[in-house]
C-alpha atoms as a PDB file:
ATOM      1  CA  MET A   1      22.140  -4.726 -12.572  1.00  0.00           C
ATOM      2  CA  LYS A   2      19.830  -1.795 -13.281  1.00  0.00           C
ATOM      3  CA  THR A   3      19.216   0.558 -10.385  1.00  0.00           C
ATOM      4  CA  ARG A   4      15.550   0.971  -9.441  1.00  0.00           C
ATOM      5  CA  LYS A   5      14.459   4.641  -9.636  1.00  0.00           C
ATOM      6  CA  ILE A   6      10.866   5.568  -8.784  1.00  0.00           C
ATOM      7  CA  ILE A   7       9.347   9.029  -8.546  1.00  0.00           C
ATOM      8  CA  LEU A   8       6.234   9.510  -6.401  1.00  0.00           C
ATOM      9  CA  PHE A   9       4.360  12.732  -7.138  1.00  0.00           C
ATOM     10  CA  ASP A  10       1.101  14.540  -6.372  1.00  0.00           C
ATOM     11  CA  GLY A  11      -1.181  13.214  -9.101  1.00  0.00           C
ATOM     12  CA  ILE A  12      -3.584  16.164  -9.119  1.00  0.00           C
ATOM     13  CA  CYS A  13      -0.966  18.939  -9.107  1.00  0.00           C
ATOM     14  CA  ASN A  14      -0.423  20.562 -12.506  1.00  0.00           C
ATOM     15  CA  LEU A  15       3.154  21.563 -11.625  1.00  0.00           C
ATOM     16  CA  CYS A  16       3.917  18.004 -10.512  1.00  0.00           C
ATOM     17  CA  ASN A  17       2.407  16.495 -13.656  1.00  0.00           C
ATOM     18  CA  GLN A  18       4.378  18.915 -15.834  1.00  0.00           C
ATOM     19  CA  SER A  19       7.518  17.969 -13.905  1.00  0.00           C
ATOM     20  CA  VAL A  20       6.882  14.260 -14.542  1.00  0.00           C
ATOM     21  CA  GLN A  21       6.454  14.969 -18.241  1.00  0.00           C
ATOM     22  CA  PHE A  22       9.706  16.974 -18.195  1.00  0.00           C
ATOM     23  CA  VAL A  23      11.527  14.047 -16.569  1.00  0.00           C
ATOM     24  CA  ILE A  24      10.119  11.615 -19.148  1.00  0.00           C
ATOM     25  CA  GLU A  25      11.293  13.879 -21.989  1.00  0.00           C
ATOM     26  CA  HIS A  26      14.797  14.185 -20.501  1.00  0.00           C
ATOM     27  CA  ASP A  27      15.232  10.585 -19.376  1.00  0.00           C
ATOM     28  CA  ASP A  28      17.309   9.387 -22.321  1.00  0.00           C
ATOM     29  CA  LYS A  29      18.231   6.152 -20.537  1.00  0.00           C
ATOM     30  CA  ASN A  30      14.606   5.265 -19.708  1.00  0.00           C
ATOM     31  CA  GLN A  31      15.502   4.683 -16.062  1.00  0.00           C
ATOM     32  CA  PHE A  32      12.529   6.137 -14.144  1.00  0.00           C
ATOM     33  CA  GLN A  33       9.205   4.692 -13.123  1.00  0.00           C
ATOM     34  CA  PHE A  34       6.402   6.808 -11.669  1.00  0.00           C
ATOM     35  CA  ALA A  35       3.438   6.559  -9.320  1.00  0.00           C
ATOM     36  CA  SER A  36       1.204   9.169  -7.812  1.00  0.00           C
ATOM     37  CA  LEU A  37       1.310   9.585  -4.053  1.00  0.00           C
ATOM     38  CA  GLN A  38      -2.424   8.903  -4.120  1.00  0.00           C
ATOM     39  CA  SER A  39      -2.028   5.505  -5.865  1.00  0.00           C
ATOM     40  CA  ASP A  40      -2.018   2.192  -4.001  1.00  0.00           C
ATOM     41  CA  PHE A  41       1.737   1.951  -4.565  1.00  0.00           C
ATOM     42  CA  GLY A  42       2.309   5.493  -3.287  1.00  0.00           C
ATOM     43  CA  GLN A  43       0.056   5.079  -0.261  1.00  0.00           C
ATOM     44  CA  ASN A  44       1.672   1.761   0.688  1.00  0.00           C
ATOM     45  CA  PHE A  45       5.158   3.251   0.361  1.00  0.00           C
ATOM     46  CA  LEU A  46       4.281   6.275   2.506  1.00  0.00           C
ATOM     47  CA  LYS A  47       2.740   4.136   5.247  1.00  0.00           C
ATOM     48  CA  GLU A  48       5.554   1.550   5.227  1.00  0.00           C
ATOM     49  CA  ASN A  49       8.105   4.343   5.657  1.00  0.00           C
ATOM     50  CA  ASN A  50       6.208   6.280   8.334  1.00  0.00           C
ATOM     51  CA  LEU A  51       5.546   9.238   6.047  1.00  0.00           C
ATOM     52  CA  ASP A  52       2.286  11.194   6.128  1.00  0.00           C
ATOM     53  CA  ALA A  53      -0.078   9.473   3.674  1.00  0.00           C
ATOM     54  CA  THR A  54      -2.492  12.418   3.634  1.00  0.00           C
ATOM     55  CA  GLN A  55      -0.124  15.251   2.678  1.00  0.00           C
ATOM     56  CA  PHE A  56       1.119  15.335  -0.900  1.00  0.00           C
ATOM     57  CA  ASP A  57       3.409  18.357  -0.695  1.00  0.00           C
ATOM     58  CA  SER A  58       6.654  16.538  -1.448  1.00  0.00           C
ATOM     59  CA  VAL A  59       7.973  14.553  -4.333  1.00  0.00           C
ATOM     60  CA  VAL A  60       9.551  11.289  -3.169  1.00  0.00           C
ATOM     61  CA  PHE A  61      12.462   9.746  -5.051  1.00  0.00           C
ATOM     62  CA  ILE A  62      13.173   6.087  -4.386  1.00  0.00           C
ATOM     63  CA  GLU A  63      16.559   4.795  -5.467  1.00  0.00           C
ATOM     64  CA  ASP A  64      17.044   1.132  -4.645  1.00  0.00           C
ATOM     65  CA  ASP A  65      16.568   0.891  -0.864  1.00  0.00           C
ATOM     66  CA  LYS A  66      16.868   4.619  -0.100  1.00  0.00           C
ATOM     67  CA  PHE A  67      14.369   7.413  -0.499  1.00  0.00           C
ATOM     68  CA  TYR A  68      14.608  11.184  -0.611  1.00  0.00           C
ATOM     69  CA  THR A  69      11.989  13.906  -0.162  1.00  0.00           C
ATOM     70  CA  LYS A  70      11.542  17.582  -1.000  1.00  0.00           C
ATOM     71  CA  SER A  71      14.598  19.373  -2.409  1.00  0.00           C
ATOM     72  CA  SER A  72      16.874  16.352  -2.025  1.00  0.00           C
ATOM     73  CA  ALA A  73      14.497  14.274  -4.157  1.00  0.00           C
ATOM     74  CA  ALA A  74      14.313  16.932  -6.874  1.00  0.00           C
ATOM     75  CA  LEU A  75      18.073  17.381  -7.001  1.00  0.00           C
ATOM     76  CA  LYS A  76      18.782  13.632  -6.964  1.00  0.00           C
ATOM     77  CA  ILE A  77      16.362  13.188  -9.882  1.00  0.00           C
ATOM     78  CA  SER A  78      18.061  15.972 -11.855  1.00  0.00           C
ATOM     79  CA  LYS A  79      21.362  14.101 -11.584  1.00  0.00           C
ATOM     80  CA  TYR A  80      20.051  11.433 -13.979  1.00  0.00           C
ATOM     81  CA  LEU A  81      18.551  13.730 -16.624  1.00  0.00           C
ATOM     82  CA  ASP A  82      20.198  14.711 -19.875  1.00  0.00           C
ATOM     83  CA  GLY A  83      21.397  18.193 -20.700  1.00  0.00           C
ATOM     84  CA  ILE A  84      22.001  21.114 -18.410  1.00  0.00           C
ATOM     85  CA  THR A  85      19.388  19.866 -15.925  1.00  0.00           C
ATOM     86  CA  SER A  86      21.952  17.489 -14.444  1.00  0.00           C
ATOM     87  CA  TRP A  87      23.957  20.495 -13.279  1.00  0.00           C
ATOM     88  CA  LEU A  88      21.263  21.392 -10.755  1.00  0.00           C
ATOM     89  CA  THR A  89      22.875  18.892  -8.384  1.00  0.00           C
ATOM     90  CA  ILE A  90      25.383  21.615  -7.534  1.00  0.00           C
ATOM     91  CA  PHE A  91      22.677  23.016  -5.223  1.00  0.00           C
ATOM     92  CA  MET A  92      23.221  20.015  -2.945  1.00  0.00           C
ATOM     93  CA  ILE A  93      25.961  22.139  -1.357  1.00  0.00           C
ATOM     94  CA  VAL A  94      23.223  24.411   0.019  1.00  0.00           C
ATOM     95  CA  PRO A  95      22.164  23.116   3.447  1.00  0.00           C
ATOM     96  CA  LYS A  96      19.033  20.947   3.251  1.00  0.00           C
ATOM     97  CA  PRO A  97      17.003  23.080   5.714  1.00  0.00           C
ATOM     98  CA  LEU A  98      17.533  26.145   3.524  1.00  0.00           C
ATOM     99  CA  ARG A  99      16.758  24.245   0.286  1.00  0.00           C
ATOM    100  CA  ASP A 100      13.628  22.795   1.870  1.00  0.00           C
ATOM    101  CA  VAL A 101      12.350  26.242   2.903  1.00  0.00           C
ATOM    102  CA  VAL A 102      12.334  27.238  -0.771  1.00  0.00           C
ATOM    103  CA  TYR A 103      10.853  23.885  -1.804  1.00  0.00           C
ATOM    104  CA  SER A 104       8.103  24.131   0.835  1.00  0.00           C
ATOM    105  CA  PHE A 105       7.214  27.681  -0.221  1.00  0.00           C
ATOM    106  CA  ILE A 106       6.695  26.524  -3.810  1.00  0.00           C
ATOM    107  CA  ALA A 107       4.809  23.404  -2.663  1.00  0.00           C
ATOM    108  CA  LYS A 108       2.514  25.464  -0.450  1.00  0.00           C
ATOM    109  CA  ASN A 109       1.553  27.723  -3.367  1.00  0.00           C
ATOM    110  CA  ARG A 110       1.607  25.235  -6.243  1.00  0.00           C
ATOM    111  CA  TYR A 111      -2.174  24.815  -6.583  1.00  0.00           C
ATOM    112  CA  ARG A 112      -2.755  28.560  -6.560  1.00  0.00           C
ATOM    113  CA  TRP A 113       0.033  29.268  -9.051  1.00  0.00           C
ATOM    114  CA  PHE A 114      -0.301  26.260 -11.378  1.00  0.00           C
ATOM    115  CA  GLY A 115      -3.753  24.846 -10.631  1.00  0.00           C
ATOM    116  CA  LYS A 116      -4.844  21.296  -9.995  1.00  0.00           C
ATOM    117  CA  GLN A 117      -6.893  18.613 -11.670  1.00  0.00           C
ATOM    118  CA  GLU A 118      -9.995  16.877 -10.366  1.00  0.00           C
ATOM    119  CA  SER A 119      -8.307  13.485 -10.703  1.00  0.00           C
ATOM    120  CA  CYS A 120      -4.841  12.073 -11.248  1.00  0.00           C
ATOM    121  CA  TRP A 121      -3.220  12.509 -14.645  1.00  0.00           C
ATOM    122  CA  LEU A 122      -3.448   9.422 -16.823  1.00  0.00           C
ATOM    123  CA  PRO A 123      -0.463   8.551 -19.001  1.00  0.00           C
ATOM    124  CA  THR A 124      -0.844   7.823 -22.678  1.00  0.00           C
ATOM    125  CA  PRO A 125      -0.865   4.133 -23.673  1.00  0.00           C
ATOM    126  CA  GLU A 126       2.769   4.516 -24.829  1.00  0.00           C
ATOM    127  CA  LEU A 127       3.852   5.762 -21.385  1.00  0.00           C
ATOM    128  CA  LYS A 128       1.689   3.427 -19.281  1.00  0.00           C
ATOM    129  CA  ALA A 129       4.559   0.944 -18.757  1.00  0.00           C
ATOM    130  CA  LYS A 130       6.489   3.629 -16.854  1.00  0.00           C
ATOM    131  CA  PHE A 131       3.755   3.958 -14.235  1.00  0.00           C
ATOM    132  CA  LEU A 132       3.176   1.739 -11.208  1.00  0.00           C
ATOM    133  CA  GLU A 133      -0.336   1.086  -9.926  1.00  0.00           C
END
């Protein structure tokens, strides 16, 4: 049985959109699906799991019945990517509070450093099947 892996991301964040495109390029096994945090799917997930549905400063990784946020989400995702990226999971040995301080600093500054779009990124017709509504 194939494990369900969904990445929820800030759909207007340029860094987040570039990260999604990086994951797609390095997902040799075609195992990820995506949805923006702003989408109906993303909003429903956030509300059902008592997460703030108005703040989009964390990627969320859903793997079967579990979900991860912030640095844990990013590192769990990297585990499934091809190449050297999978080695990033070694940073799981760093305590989560310390990892999340770094993650939160980047998240807080992401719009200023990388910019943002007026609306969510739309996938090409070839990639549309990977995205949830």
